[in-house]
C-alpha atoms as a PDB file:
ATOM      1  CA  MET A   1     -18.267 -10.695  -3.367  1.00  0.00           C
ATOM      2  CA  MET A   2     -19.169  -7.849  -5.608  1.00  0.00           C
ATOM      3  CA  PRO A   3     -16.444  -5.359  -6.479  1.00  0.00           C
ATOM      4  CA  GLN A   4     -18.016  -2.580  -4.284  1.00  0.00           C
ATOM      5  CA  ASN A   5     -18.360  -4.807  -1.190  1.00  0.00           C
ATOM      6  CA  LEU A   6     -16.220  -4.485   1.773  1.00  0.00           C
ATOM      7  CA  PRO A   7     -16.378  -5.648   5.213  1.00  0.00           C
ATOM      8  CA  PRO A   8     -18.534  -3.031   7.300  1.00  0.00           C
ATOM      9  CA  THR A   9     -15.621  -1.787   9.414  1.00  0.00           C
ATOM     10  CA  ILE A  10     -13.680  -0.749   6.297  1.00  0.00           C
ATOM     11  CA  ALA A  11     -16.760   0.406   4.215  1.00  0.00           C
ATOM     12  CA  ASN A  12     -17.722   2.635   7.065  1.00  0.00           C
ATOM     13  CA  ILE A  13     -14.388   4.506   6.753  1.00  0.00           C
ATOM     14  CA  VAL A  14     -14.346   4.487   2.986  1.00  0.00           C
ATOM     15  CA  ASN A  15     -17.801   5.999   2.773  1.00  0.00           C
ATOM     16  CA  LEU A  16     -17.185   8.789   5.231  1.00  0.00           C
ATOM     17  CA  ASP A  17     -17.848  12.213   4.078  1.00  0.00           C
ATOM     18  CA  GLN A  18     -14.544  13.592   4.871  1.00  0.00           C
ATOM     19  CA  SER A  19     -11.429  14.779   3.123  1.00  0.00           C
ATOM     20  CA  PRO A  20      -9.166  12.346   1.346  1.00  0.00           C
ATOM     21  CA  ALA A  21      -6.439  12.804   3.957  1.00  0.00           C
ATOM     22  CA  GLU A  22      -8.883  12.083   6.818  1.00  0.00           C
ATOM     23  CA  VAL A  23     -10.436   8.924   5.068  1.00  0.00           C
ATOM     24  CA  LEU A  24      -7.003   7.549   4.003  1.00  0.00           C
ATOM     25  CA  SER A  25      -5.613   8.102   7.517  1.00  0.00           C
ATOM     26  CA  GLY A  26      -8.582   6.587   9.254  1.00  0.00           C
ATOM     27  CA  LEU A  27      -8.537   3.699   7.019  1.00  0.00           C
ATOM     28  CA  LEU A  28      -5.025   2.256   7.784  1.00  0.00           C
ATOM     29  CA  PRO A  29      -5.827   1.115  11.449  1.00  0.00           C
ATOM     30  CA  VAL A  30      -8.916  -0.561  10.326  1.00  0.00           C
ATOM     31  CA  VAL A  31      -7.142  -2.338   7.490  1.00  0.00           C
ATOM     32  CA  GLY A  32      -4.362  -3.379   9.866  1.00  0.00           C
ATOM     33  CA  GLU A  33      -6.813  -4.689  12.406  1.00  0.00           C
ATOM     34  CA  PHE A  34      -8.897  -6.565   9.787  1.00  0.00           C
ATOM     35  CA  LEU A  35      -5.883  -8.240   8.281  1.00  0.00           C
ATOM     36  CA  GLU A  36      -4.166  -8.662  11.702  1.00  0.00           C
ATOM     37  CA  CYS A  37      -1.053  -6.950  10.548  1.00  0.00           C
ATOM     38  CA  ASP A  38       1.810  -5.280  12.324  1.00  0.00           C
ATOM     39  CA  ARG A  39       2.052  -2.240  10.088  1.00  0.00           C
ATOM     40  CA  CYS A  40      -0.009  -0.682   7.291  1.00  0.00           C
ATOM     41  CA  PHE A  41       1.423   2.369   5.319  1.00  0.00           C
ATOM     42  CA  LEU A  42       0.195   4.113   2.264  1.00  0.00           C
ATOM     43  CA  TYR A  43       2.532   5.433  -0.245  1.00  0.00           C
ATOM     44  CA  LEU A  44       1.203   7.935  -2.609  1.00  0.00           C
ATOM     45  CA  HIS A  45       2.814   8.688  -6.153  1.00  0.00           C
ATOM     46  CA  ASN A  46       2.325  11.267  -8.931  1.00  0.00           C
ATOM     47  CA  PRO A  47       2.732   9.437 -12.043  1.00  0.00           C
ATOM     48  CA  GLN A  48       3.492  12.562 -14.099  1.00  0.00           C
ATOM     49  CA  THR A  49       6.355  13.841 -12.015  1.00  0.00           C
ATOM     50  CA  GLY A  50       7.615  10.593 -10.336  1.00  0.00           C
ATOM     51  CA  PHE A  51       7.343  12.356  -6.827  1.00  0.00           C
ATOM     52  CA  GLY A  52       6.177  10.187  -3.998  1.00  0.00           C
ATOM     53  CA  ARG A  53       5.874  10.012  -0.273  1.00  0.00           C
ATOM     54  CA  VAL A  54       4.598   7.670   2.387  1.00  0.00           C
ATOM     55  CA  ALA A  55       1.862   9.880   3.536  1.00  0.00           C
ATOM     56  CA  PHE A  56       0.120   7.621   6.205  1.00  0.00           C
ATOM     57  CA  CYS A  57       1.386   4.822   8.530  1.00  0.00           C
ATOM     58  CA  TRP A  58      -0.246   2.793  11.301  1.00  0.00           C
ATOM     59  CA  VAL A  59       1.623   0.586  13.564  1.00  0.00           C
ATOM     60  CA  ARG A  60       0.125  -2.126  15.916  1.00  0.00           C
ATOM     61  CA  THR A  61       2.783  -1.481  18.673  1.00  0.00           C
ATOM     62  CA  PRO A  62       5.538   1.173  19.118  1.00  0.00           C
ATOM     63  CA  ASP A  63       8.315  -1.394  18.725  1.00  0.00           C
ATOM     64  CA  ILE A  64       7.223  -1.645  15.085  1.00  0.00           C
ATOM     65  CA  PRO A  65       9.250   0.768  12.854  1.00  0.00           C
ATOM     66  CA  ARG A  66       7.219   3.399  11.299  1.00  0.00           C
ATOM     67  CA  VAL A  67       7.528   4.306   7.646  1.00  0.00           C
ATOM     68  CA  TYR A  68       6.470   7.977   6.892  1.00  0.00           C
ATOM     69  CA  HIS A  69       8.167  10.811   4.614  1.00  0.00           C
ATOM     70  CA  ASP A  70       7.350  14.555   5.454  1.00  0.00           C
ATOM     71  CA  LYS A  71       8.077  15.560   1.927  1.00  0.00           C
ATOM     72  CA  TRP A  72       7.462  14.666  -1.529  1.00  0.00           C
ATOM     73  CA  GLN A  73      10.543  13.065  -2.932  1.00  0.00           C
ATOM     74  CA  LEU A  74      11.546  12.190  -6.519  1.00  0.00           C
ATOM     75  CA  GLN A  75      11.918   8.500  -6.766  1.00  0.00           C
ATOM     76  CA  PRO A  76      15.460   7.294  -7.736  1.00  0.00           C
ATOM     77  CA  SER A  77      15.726   6.171 -11.178  1.00  0.00           C
ATOM     78  CA  SER A  78      17.472   3.012  -9.627  1.00  0.00           C
ATOM     79  CA  LEU A  79      14.377   1.989  -7.646  1.00  0.00           C
ATOM     80  CA  PRO A  80      12.483  -0.149 -10.179  1.00  0.00           C
ATOM     81  CA  LYS A  81      15.797  -2.112 -10.682  1.00  0.00           C
ATOM     82  CA  GLU A  82      16.243  -2.575  -6.874  1.00  0.00           C
ATOM     83  CA  ASP A  83      12.550  -3.308  -6.170  1.00  0.00           C
ATOM     84  CA  PRO A  84      10.745  -5.597  -8.602  1.00  0.00           C
ATOM     85  CA  MET A  85       7.549  -5.051  -6.881  1.00  0.00           C
ATOM     86  CA  PHE A  86       7.945  -1.241  -7.444  1.00  0.00           C
ATOM     87  CA  ALA A  87       8.638  -1.932 -10.983  1.00  0.00           C
ATOM     88  CA  ALA A  88       5.421  -3.941 -11.185  1.00  0.00           C
ATOM     89  CA  ALA A  89       3.416  -1.111  -9.583  1.00  0.00           C
ATOM     90  CA  LEU A  90       4.752   1.276 -12.104  1.00  0.00           C
ATOM     91  CA  ARG A  91       3.685  -1.032 -14.898  1.00  0.00           C
ATOM     92  CA  ALA A  92       0.241  -1.001 -13.130  1.00  0.00           C
ATOM     93  CA  GLU A  93       0.260  -4.596 -12.729  1.00  0.00           C
ATOM     94  CA  PRO A  94      -2.179  -6.351 -10.170  1.00  0.00           C
ATOM     95  CA  SER A  95      -1.426  -6.258  -6.533  1.00  0.00           C
ATOM     96  CA  ILE A  96       1.159  -8.755  -5.050  1.00  0.00           C
ATOM     97  CA  PHE A  97       0.594 -10.842  -2.032  1.00  0.00           C
ATOM     98  CA  ILE A  98       3.761 -12.143  -0.510  1.00  0.00           C
ATOM     99  CA  GLU A  99       3.416 -14.873   2.085  1.00  0.00           C
ATOM    100  CA  ASP A 100       7.044 -15.096   3.065  1.00  0.00           C
ATOM    101  CA  ILE A 101       9.893 -12.953   1.723  1.00  0.00           C
ATOM    102  CA  GLU A 102      12.196 -15.771   2.633  1.00  0.00           C
ATOM    103  CA  THR A 103      10.836 -18.047   0.066  1.00  0.00           C
ATOM    104  CA  ALA A 104       9.276 -15.668  -2.561  1.00  0.00           C
ATOM    105  CA  ASN A 105      10.418 -15.758  -6.253  1.00  0.00           C
ATOM    106  CA  PRO A 106      13.363 -13.464  -6.662  1.00  0.00           C
ATOM    107  CA  GLN A 107      11.816 -12.162  -9.906  1.00  0.00           C
ATOM    108  CA  ILE A 108       8.901 -10.820  -7.969  1.00  0.00           C
ATOM    109  CA  LEU A 109      10.753  -9.735  -4.796  1.00  0.00           C
ATOM    110  CA  ASN A 110      14.260  -8.613  -3.918  1.00  0.00           C
ATOM    111  CA  ARG A 111      14.607 -10.303  -0.429  1.00  0.00           C
ATOM    112  CA  GLN A 112      17.665  -8.182   0.556  1.00  0.00           C
ATOM    113  CA  PHE A 113      16.027  -4.834  -0.408  1.00  0.00           C
ATOM    114  CA  GLU A 114      12.760  -5.770   1.607  1.00  0.00           C
ATOM    115  CA  GLN A 115      14.734  -6.773   4.680  1.00  0.00           C
ATOM    116  CA  LYS A 116      16.991  -3.604   4.626  1.00  0.00           C
ATOM    117  CA  THR A 117      14.324  -1.123   3.725  1.00  0.00           C
ATOM    118  CA  PHE A 118      11.227  -2.356   5.407  1.00  0.00           C
ATOM    119  CA  GLY A 119      12.032  -5.295   7.719  1.00  0.00           C
ATOM    120  CA  HIS A 120       8.743  -7.190   7.258  1.00  0.00           C
ATOM    121  CA  ARG A 121       8.356 -10.896   6.747  1.00  0.00           C
ATOM    122  CA  ALA A 122       5.045 -11.072   4.779  1.00  0.00           C
ATOM    123  CA  LEU A 123       3.253  -8.225   2.991  1.00  0.00           C
ATOM    124  CA  ILE A 124       0.625  -7.096   0.447  1.00  0.00           C
ATOM    125  CA  HIS A 125       1.919  -4.674  -2.145  1.00  0.00           C
ATOM    126  CA  ALA A 126      -1.545  -3.306  -3.231  1.00  0.00           C
ATOM    127  CA  HIS A 127      -1.305  -1.134  -6.356  1.00  0.00           C
ATOM    128  CA  ILE A 128      -3.553   1.996  -6.663  1.00  0.00           C
ATOM    129  CA  ARG A 129      -3.606   2.597 -10.252  1.00  0.00           C
ATOM    130  CA  HIS A 130      -5.807   4.431 -12.779  1.00  0.00           C
ATOM    131  CA  HIS A 131      -5.594   4.430 -16.715  1.00  0.00           C
ATOM    132  CA  GLY A 132      -2.456   2.323 -16.462  1.00  0.00           C
ATOM    133  CA  GLN A 133      -0.571   4.820 -14.050  1.00  0.00           C
ATOM    134  CA  LEU A 134       0.511   4.214 -10.491  1.00  0.00           C
ATOM    135  CA  TRP A 135      -1.165   6.624  -7.851  1.00  0.00           C
ATOM    136  CA  GLY A 136      -0.220   4.659  -4.762  1.00  0.00           C
ATOM    137  CA  ILE A 137       0.662   1.570  -2.921  1.00  0.00           C
ATOM    138  CA  LEU A 138      -1.054   0.348   0.109  1.00  0.00           C
ATOM    139  CA  GLN A 139       1.228  -1.887   2.155  1.00  0.00           C
ATOM    140  CA  PRO A 140       0.006  -4.018   5.149  1.00  0.00           C
ATOM    141  CA  CYS A 141       2.697  -6.356   6.521  1.00  0.00           C
ATOM    142  CA  VAL A 142       3.613  -8.825   9.307  1.00  0.00           C
ATOM    143  CA  PHE A 143       7.031  -8.872  10.835  1.00  0.00           C
ATOM    144  CA  SER A 144       7.831 -11.961  12.907  1.00  0.00           C
ATOM    145  CA  HIS A 145       6.284 -14.880  10.662  1.00  0.00           C
ATOM    146  CA  PRO A 146       5.131 -15.725   7.372  1.00  0.00           C
ATOM    147  CA  ARG A 147       1.269 -15.125   6.661  1.00  0.00           C
ATOM    148  CA  ILE A 148      -1.059 -16.752   4.209  1.00  0.00           C
ATOM    149  CA  TRP A 149      -3.403 -14.124   2.682  1.00  0.00           C
ATOM    150  CA  THR A 150      -6.705 -15.749   2.185  1.00  0.00           C
ATOM    151  CA  GLU A 151      -8.760 -15.423  -1.153  1.00  0.00           C
ATOM    152  CA  TYR A 152     -11.330 -13.381   0.846  1.00  0.00           C
ATOM    153  CA  GLU A 153      -8.643 -11.037   2.060  1.00  0.00           C
ATOM    154  CA  GLN A 154      -7.115 -10.648  -1.284  1.00  0.00           C
ATOM    155  CA  GLU A 155     -10.702  -9.840  -2.840  1.00  0.00           C
ATOM    156  CA  VAL A 156     -11.152  -7.279  -0.009  1.00  0.00           C
ATOM    157  CA  ILE A 157      -7.800  -5.641  -0.708  1.00  0.00           C
ATOM    158  CA  ASN A 158      -8.308  -5.581  -4.556  1.00  0.00           C
ATOM    159  CA  ASN A 159     -11.734  -4.053  -3.943  1.00  0.00           C
ATOM    160  CA  LEU A 160     -10.500  -1.501  -1.455  1.00  0.00           C
ATOM    161  CA  VAL A 161      -7.841  -0.172  -3.805  1.00  0.00           C
ATOM    162  CA  GLN A 162     -10.395   0.310  -6.526  1.00  0.00           C
ATOM    163  CA  GLN A 163     -12.650   2.221  -4.106  1.00  0.00           C
ATOM    164  CA  ILE A 164      -9.853   4.469  -2.707  1.00  0.00           C
ATOM    165  CA  THR A 165      -8.191   5.290  -6.121  1.00  0.00           C
ATOM    166  CA  PRO A 166     -10.298   8.485  -6.508  1.00  0.00           C
ATOM    167  CA  LEU A 167      -9.252   9.566  -2.956  1.00  0.00           C
ATOM    168  CA  ALA A 168      -5.503   8.863  -3.635  1.00  0.00           C
ATOM    169  CA  ILE A 169      -5.700  10.722  -6.881  1.00  0.00           C
ATOM    170  CA  SER A 170      -7.398  13.659  -5.203  1.00  0.00           C
ATOM    171  CA  TYR A 171      -5.008  13.769  -2.351  1.00  0.00           C
ATOM    172  CA  VAL A 172      -2.012  13.564  -4.587  1.00  0.00           C
ATOM    173  CA  LYS A 173      -3.237  16.352  -6.826  1.00  0.00           C
ATOM    174  CA  SER A 174      -4.174  18.575  -3.979  1.00  0.00           C
ATOM    175  CA  ALA A 175      -0.975  18.095  -1.993  1.00  0.00           C
ATOM    176  CA  LEU A 176       1.221  18.803  -5.088  1.00  0.00           C
ATOM    177  CA  GLY A 177      -0.981  21.782  -6.166  1.00  0.00           C
ATOM    178  CA  GLU A 178      -2.416  20.561  -9.407  1.00  0.00           C
END
């Protein structure tokens, strides 16, 4: 799979000639369906100011908790200590694929933080980064059981975050008046 290749259903959304908000919003249900997830949300982040928000969220069924923030919020300085995956994202490390939070390495994931904050069982913490800076996190997840992320799915997600990085940057800059 070449870096630009995506499954047609995802590529069709990414290649739409629409605003970043329309593309990013339309992308989440397609990614959620492709990965057979329960929820998929997109956290966007301004690396210069530390402000961020979950701007878009898709859930498969109404009983799945939505994650969404109306306003941009300054991330607490304690967050990287509480959440090793967020710390990894801030360091612009590669995306993280967690098959089961119950058995994940505690240096990679804080199980109690994940259970309390998000409630999922398996997740992808896909880092949207540019020039060593975090611009967002795409987070598809499953609630009721562990989930093995195939090599193909990992390639798709890694390729997808590369392709949506300019959209995420544009959305953040526009939303924060930069």
